[in-house]
Amino acid sequence: MDVAGQYVVQSFKWIKQNLRIKHFYGTSENAVKTQIWTAVSVYALAAIIKKELALDVSLYTFLQILSVHSFEKIQLSHAFQGAGDKNGDNPYDIQLNLFDS
């Protein structure tokens, strides 16, 4: 295998290991490239934010926490504070439950 072929294999290996693309929504070459570039952009942006906030978590954990809090109105720095820390300072702790038990 030539150098270019090895580079392509390594690139796909990295994409498969690091980017969370479960399936492609389009089948054309342009659709696949667009989805890969979007995933790479999100990955790079997450790495930049993680570095700027000086967080001591892995990038994988950072992305997991972002996916959990993606639709919540919460400051990013609060999402990464101790999860077991329940001191009542969080205004979301007083949220009512739909089904009281």
N, C-alpha and C. Protein backbone atom coordinates (compact mmCIF):
# COMPACT_ATOMS: atom_id res chain seq x y z
N MET A 1 0.86 -1.18 0.00
CA MET A 1 0.00 0.00 0.00
C MET A 1 0.90 1.24 0.00
N ASP A 2 0.57 2.19 -0.84
CA ASP A 2 1.37 3.40 -0.92
C ASP A 2 1.05 4.34 0.24
N VAL A 3 1.79 5.42 0.35
CA VAL A 3 1.65 6.38 1.45
C VAL A 3 0.26 7.01 1.44
N ALA A 4 -0.24 7.38 0.28
CA ALA A 4 -1.57 8.00 0.19
C ALA A 4 -2.66 7.04 0.66
N GLY A 5 -2.53 5.79 0.30
CA GLY A 5 -3.51 4.79 0.73
C GLY A 5 -3.49 4.60 2.25
N GLN A 6 -2.29 4.60 2.83
CA GLN A 6 -2.17 4.48 4.29
C GLN A 6 -2.78 5.69 4.99
N TYR A 7 -2.58 6.87 4.40
CA TYR A 7 -3.14 8.09 4.97
C TYR A 7 -4.67 8.04 4.96
N VAL A 8 -5.25 7.54 3.89
CA VAL A 8 -6.71 7.43 3.79
C VAL A 8 -7.22 6.44 4.83
N VAL A 9 -6.55 5.31 4.98
CA VAL A 9 -6.96 4.30 5.97
C VAL A 9 -6.87 4.89 7.38
N GLN A 10 -5.78 5.60 7.68
CA GLN A 10 -5.62 6.20 9.01
C GLN A 10 -6.66 7.28 9.25
N SER A 11 -7.00 8.04 8.21
CA SER A 11 -8.01 9.10 8.35
C SER A 11 -9.37 8.50 8.67
N PHE A 12 -9.74 7.46 7.95
CA PHE A 12 -11.03 6.82 8.22
C PHE A 12 -11.04 6.17 9.59
N LYS A 13 -9.91 5.63 10.00
CA LYS A 13 -9.82 5.04 11.34
C LYS A 13 -10.05 6.10 12.41
N TRP A 14 -9.41 7.29 12.23
CA TRP A 14 -9.59 8.38 13.18
C TRP A 14 -11.03 8.85 13.19
N ILE A 15 -11.63 9.01 12.02
CA ILE A 15 -13.03 9.45 11.93
C ILE A 15 -13.94 8.47 12.65
N LYS A 16 -13.72 7.19 12.42
CA LYS A 16 -14.56 6.16 13.03
C LYS A 16 -14.41 6.14 14.56
N GLN A 17 -13.19 6.38 15.05
CA GLN A 17 -12.94 6.31 16.48
C GLN A 17 -13.35 7.58 17.23
N ASN A 18 -13.25 8.75 16.59
CA ASN A 18 -13.42 10.00 17.31
C ASN A 18 -14.69 10.76 17.00
N LEU A 19 -15.23 10.61 15.83
CA LEU A 19 -16.43 11.35 15.47
C LEU A 19 -17.64 10.46 15.63
N ARG A 20 -18.72 11.04 16.10
CA ARG A 20 -19.93 10.26 16.37
C ARG A 20 -20.89 10.38 15.19
N ILE A 21 -20.57 9.71 14.12
CA ILE A 21 -21.44 9.68 12.96
C ILE A 21 -22.03 8.27 12.91
N LYS A 22 -23.29 8.16 13.31
CA LYS A 22 -23.92 6.84 13.35
C LYS A 22 -24.29 6.35 11.95
N HIS A 23 -24.86 7.22 11.15
CA HIS A 23 -25.16 6.90 9.76
C HIS A 23 -25.23 8.18 8.96
N PHE A 24 -25.07 8.06 7.68
CA PHE A 24 -25.10 9.23 6.82
C PHE A 24 -26.52 9.47 6.33
N TYR A 25 -26.94 10.71 6.38
CA TYR A 25 -28.30 11.07 5.97
C TYR A 25 -28.44 11.19 4.46
N GLY A 26 -27.35 11.45 3.79
CA GLY A 26 -27.36 11.52 2.33
C GLY A 26 -26.40 10.50 1.77
N THR A 27 -26.58 10.14 0.52
CA THR A 27 -25.72 9.12 -0.06
C THR A 27 -24.78 9.70 -1.11
N SER A 28 -25.00 10.93 -1.51
CA SER A 28 -24.11 11.52 -2.51
C SER A 28 -22.76 11.85 -1.88
N GLU A 29 -21.76 12.00 -2.72
CA GLU A 29 -20.43 12.33 -2.23
C GLU A 29 -20.43 13.65 -1.47
N ASN A 30 -21.16 14.63 -1.99
CA ASN A 30 -21.23 15.94 -1.34
C ASN A 30 -21.89 15.85 0.03
N ALA A 31 -22.94 15.05 0.16
CA ALA A 31 -23.63 14.90 1.44
C ALA A 31 -22.72 14.25 2.48
N VAL A 32 -22.00 13.23 2.09
CA VAL A 32 -21.09 12.56 3.02
C VAL A 32 -19.97 13.49 3.45
N LYS A 33 -19.38 14.21 2.49
CA LYS A 33 -18.31 15.15 2.83
C LYS A 33 -18.81 16.25 3.75
N THR A 34 -20.02 16.75 3.50
CA THR A 34 -20.59 17.81 4.34
C THR A 34 -20.77 17.32 5.77
N GLN A 35 -21.26 16.11 5.93
CA GLN A 35 -21.48 15.58 7.28
C GLN A 35 -20.16 15.32 8.00
N ILE A 36 -19.16 14.85 7.29
CA ILE A 36 -17.85 14.62 7.91
C ILE A 36 -17.23 15.96 8.32
N TRP A 37 -17.27 16.97 7.46
CA TRP A 37 -16.70 18.27 7.80
C TRP A 37 -17.46 18.93 8.95
N THR A 38 -18.76 18.73 9.00
CA THR A 38 -19.53 19.26 10.13
C THR A 38 -19.10 18.60 11.43
N ALA A 39 -18.94 17.28 11.40
CA ALA A 39 -18.51 16.56 12.60
C ALA A 39 -17.10 16.96 13.02
N VAL A 40 -16.20 17.15 12.06
CA VAL A 40 -14.84 17.58 12.38
C VAL A 40 -14.86 18.98 12.98
N SER A 41 -15.71 19.85 12.44
CA SER A 41 -15.81 21.23 12.95
C SER A 41 -16.32 21.25 14.39
N VAL A 42 -17.33 20.44 14.68
CA VAL A 42 -17.86 20.36 16.05
C VAL A 42 -16.79 19.82 16.99
N TYR A 43 -16.06 18.81 16.55
CA TYR A 43 -14.99 18.22 17.36
C TYR A 43 -13.92 19.27 17.67
N ALA A 44 -13.51 20.02 16.65
CA ALA A 44 -12.49 21.05 16.85
C ALA A 44 -12.99 22.16 17.76
N LEU A 45 -14.23 22.59 17.57
CA LEU A 45 -14.81 23.63 18.41
C LEU A 45 -14.89 23.17 19.87
N ALA A 46 -15.28 21.92 20.08
CA ALA A 46 -15.35 21.38 21.44
C ALA A 46 -13.96 21.34 22.07
N ALA A 47 -12.95 20.98 21.30
CA ALA A 47 -11.58 20.95 21.83
C ALA A 47 -11.11 22.34 22.22
N ILE A 48 -11.47 23.34 21.42
CA ILE A 48 -11.09 24.73 21.72
C ILE A 48 -11.79 25.21 22.99
N ILE A 49 -13.09 24.93 23.11
CA ILE A 49 -13.85 25.35 24.31
C ILE A 49 -13.30 24.66 25.55
N LYS A 50 -13.01 23.36 25.45
CA LYS A 50 -12.47 22.61 26.58
C LYS A 50 -11.15 23.22 27.03
N LYS A 51 -10.31 23.60 26.07
CA LYS A 51 -9.02 24.20 26.42
C LYS A 51 -9.20 25.59 27.03
N GLU A 52 -10.11 26.40 26.47
CA GLU A 52 -10.35 27.75 26.98
C GLU A 52 -10.89 27.72 28.41
N LEU A 53 -11.74 26.73 28.73
CA LEU A 53 -12.28 26.61 30.08
C LEU A 53 -11.34 25.89 31.03
N ALA A 54 -10.23 25.38 30.50
CA ALA A 54 -9.22 24.65 31.29
C ALA A 54 -9.87 23.52 32.09
N LEU A 55 -10.69 22.73 31.41
CA LEU A 55 -11.37 21.62 32.07
C LEU A 55 -10.45 20.42 32.17
N ASP A 56 -10.59 19.70 33.27
CA ASP A 56 -9.74 18.54 33.53
C ASP A 56 -10.50 17.25 33.24
N VAL A 57 -11.21 17.21 32.13
CA VAL A 57 -11.91 16.01 31.70
C VAL A 57 -11.44 15.68 30.28
N SER A 58 -11.65 14.43 29.90
CA SER A 58 -11.27 14.05 28.54
C SER A 58 -12.22 14.70 27.54
N LEU A 59 -11.78 14.78 26.31
CA LEU A 59 -12.63 15.37 25.27
C LEU A 59 -13.88 14.53 25.06
N TYR A 60 -13.75 13.22 25.20
CA TYR A 60 -14.91 12.34 25.07
C TYR A 60 -15.94 12.65 26.16
N THR A 61 -15.49 12.80 27.40
CA THR A 61 -16.39 13.14 28.51
C THR A 61 -17.01 14.51 28.29
N PHE A 62 -16.21 15.46 27.82
CA PHE A 62 -16.70 16.80 27.53
C PHE A 62 -17.84 16.74 26.51
N LEU A 63 -17.65 15.98 25.44
CA LEU A 63 -18.69 15.87 24.42
C LEU A 63 -19.93 15.15 24.95
N GLN A 64 -19.74 14.17 25.82
CA GLN A 64 -20.88 13.47 26.43
C GLN A 64 -21.71 14.43 27.28
N ILE A 65 -21.04 15.24 28.08
CA ILE A 65 -21.74 16.19 28.93
C ILE A 65 -22.47 17.24 28.08
N LEU A 66 -21.83 17.68 27.00
CA LEU A 66 -22.49 18.61 26.10
C LEU A 66 -23.73 18.00 25.48
N SER A 67 -23.68 16.73 25.12
CA SER A 67 -24.84 16.10 24.50
C SER A 67 -25.98 15.95 25.50
N VAL A 68 -25.67 15.76 26.76
CA VAL A 68 -26.71 15.64 27.79
C VAL A 68 -27.37 16.99 28.05
N HIS A 69 -26.58 18.06 28.04
CA HIS A 69 -27.08 19.39 28.36
C HIS A 69 -27.36 20.23 27.12
N SER A 70 -27.55 19.61 25.97
CA SER A 70 -27.64 20.37 24.72
C SER A 70 -28.88 21.26 24.64
N PHE A 71 -29.98 20.88 25.28
CA PHE A 71 -31.20 21.69 25.18
C PHE A 71 -31.56 22.39 26.47
N GLU A 72 -30.63 22.44 27.41
CA GLU A 72 -30.87 23.13 28.67
C GLU A 72 -30.27 24.52 28.62
N LYS A 73 -30.97 25.47 29.24
CA LYS A 73 -30.40 26.82 29.37
C LYS A 73 -29.59 26.84 30.66
N ILE A 74 -28.33 26.54 30.52
CA ILE A 74 -27.44 26.47 31.66
C ILE A 74 -26.08 26.98 31.20
N GLN A 75 -25.39 27.69 32.08
CA GLN A 75 -24.05 28.15 31.72
C GLN A 75 -23.14 26.94 31.57
N LEU A 76 -22.27 27.02 30.59
CA LEU A 76 -21.40 25.89 30.29
C LEU A 76 -20.52 25.53 31.48
N SER A 77 -20.06 26.53 32.21
CA SER A 77 -19.20 26.24 33.36
C SER A 77 -19.96 25.49 34.45
N HIS A 78 -21.28 25.72 34.57
CA HIS A 78 -22.07 25.01 35.57
C HIS A 78 -22.30 23.56 35.19
N ALA A 79 -22.32 23.26 33.92
CA ALA A 79 -22.54 21.89 33.48
C ALA A 79 -21.38 20.98 33.86
N PHE A 80 -20.20 21.55 34.08
CA PHE A 80 -19.02 20.75 34.36
C PHE A 80 -18.59 20.80 35.82
N GLN A 81 -19.40 21.41 36.66
CA GLN A 81 -19.12 21.37 38.09
C GLN A 81 -19.53 20.00 38.61
N GLY A 82 -19.11 19.67 39.81
CA GLY A 82 -19.36 18.35 40.38
C GLY A 82 -20.81 17.93 40.27
N ALA A 83 -21.05 16.80 39.64
CA ALA A 83 -22.41 16.31 39.43
C ALA A 83 -23.06 15.88 40.75
N GLY A 84 -22.24 15.42 41.69
CA GLY A 84 -22.79 14.97 42.96
C GLY A 84 -22.99 16.10 43.96
N ASP A 85 -22.64 17.30 43.60
CA ASP A 85 -22.72 18.46 44.48
C ASP A 85 -24.13 19.03 44.44
N LYS A 86 -24.95 18.71 45.41
CA LYS A 86 -26.34 19.18 45.47
C LYS A 86 -26.49 20.11 46.67
N ASN A 87 -26.10 21.37 46.51
CA ASN A 87 -26.17 22.30 47.64
C ASN A 87 -27.33 23.27 47.51
N GLY A 88 -28.16 23.13 46.48
CA GLY A 88 -29.34 23.96 46.37
C GLY A 88 -29.12 25.31 45.71
N ASP A 89 -27.92 25.61 45.28
CA ASP A 89 -27.64 26.88 44.63
C ASP A 89 -28.11 26.92 43.18
N ASN A 90 -28.38 25.77 42.61
CA ASN A 90 -28.78 25.69 41.22
C ASN A 90 -30.28 25.96 41.11
N PRO A 91 -30.72 26.96 40.32
CA PRO A 91 -32.16 27.24 40.22
C PRO A 91 -32.93 26.11 39.54
N TYR A 92 -32.25 25.21 38.85
CA TYR A 92 -32.94 24.10 38.20
C TYR A 92 -33.29 22.99 39.19
N ASP A 93 -32.77 23.07 40.41
CA ASP A 93 -33.08 22.05 41.42
C ASP A 93 -34.53 22.16 41.91
N ILE A 94 -35.17 23.31 41.73
CA ILE A 94 -36.53 23.50 42.21
C ILE A 94 -37.58 23.20 41.14
N GLN A 95 -37.15 22.60 40.03
CA GLN A 95 -38.07 22.27 38.96
C GLN A 95 -39.08 21.23 39.44
N LEU A 96 -40.35 21.44 39.09
CA LEU A 96 -41.40 20.53 39.50
C LEU A 96 -41.38 19.25 38.64
N ASN A 97 -41.81 18.16 39.22
CA ASN A 97 -41.92 16.90 38.49
C ASN A 97 -43.31 16.80 37.89
N LEU A 98 -43.40 16.20 36.74
CA LEU A 98 -44.67 16.01 36.08
C LEU A 98 -45.53 15.02 36.84
N PHE A 99 -44.91 13.95 37.27
CA PHE A 99 -45.62 12.92 38.02
C PHE A 99 -45.07 12.87 39.43
N ASP A 100 -45.86 13.30 40.40
CA ASP A 100 -45.42 13.24 41.80
C ASP A 100 -45.55 11.80 42.30
N SER A 101 -44.55 11.36 43.00
CA SER A 101 -44.62 10.00 43.52
C SER A 101 -44.43 9.97 45.01
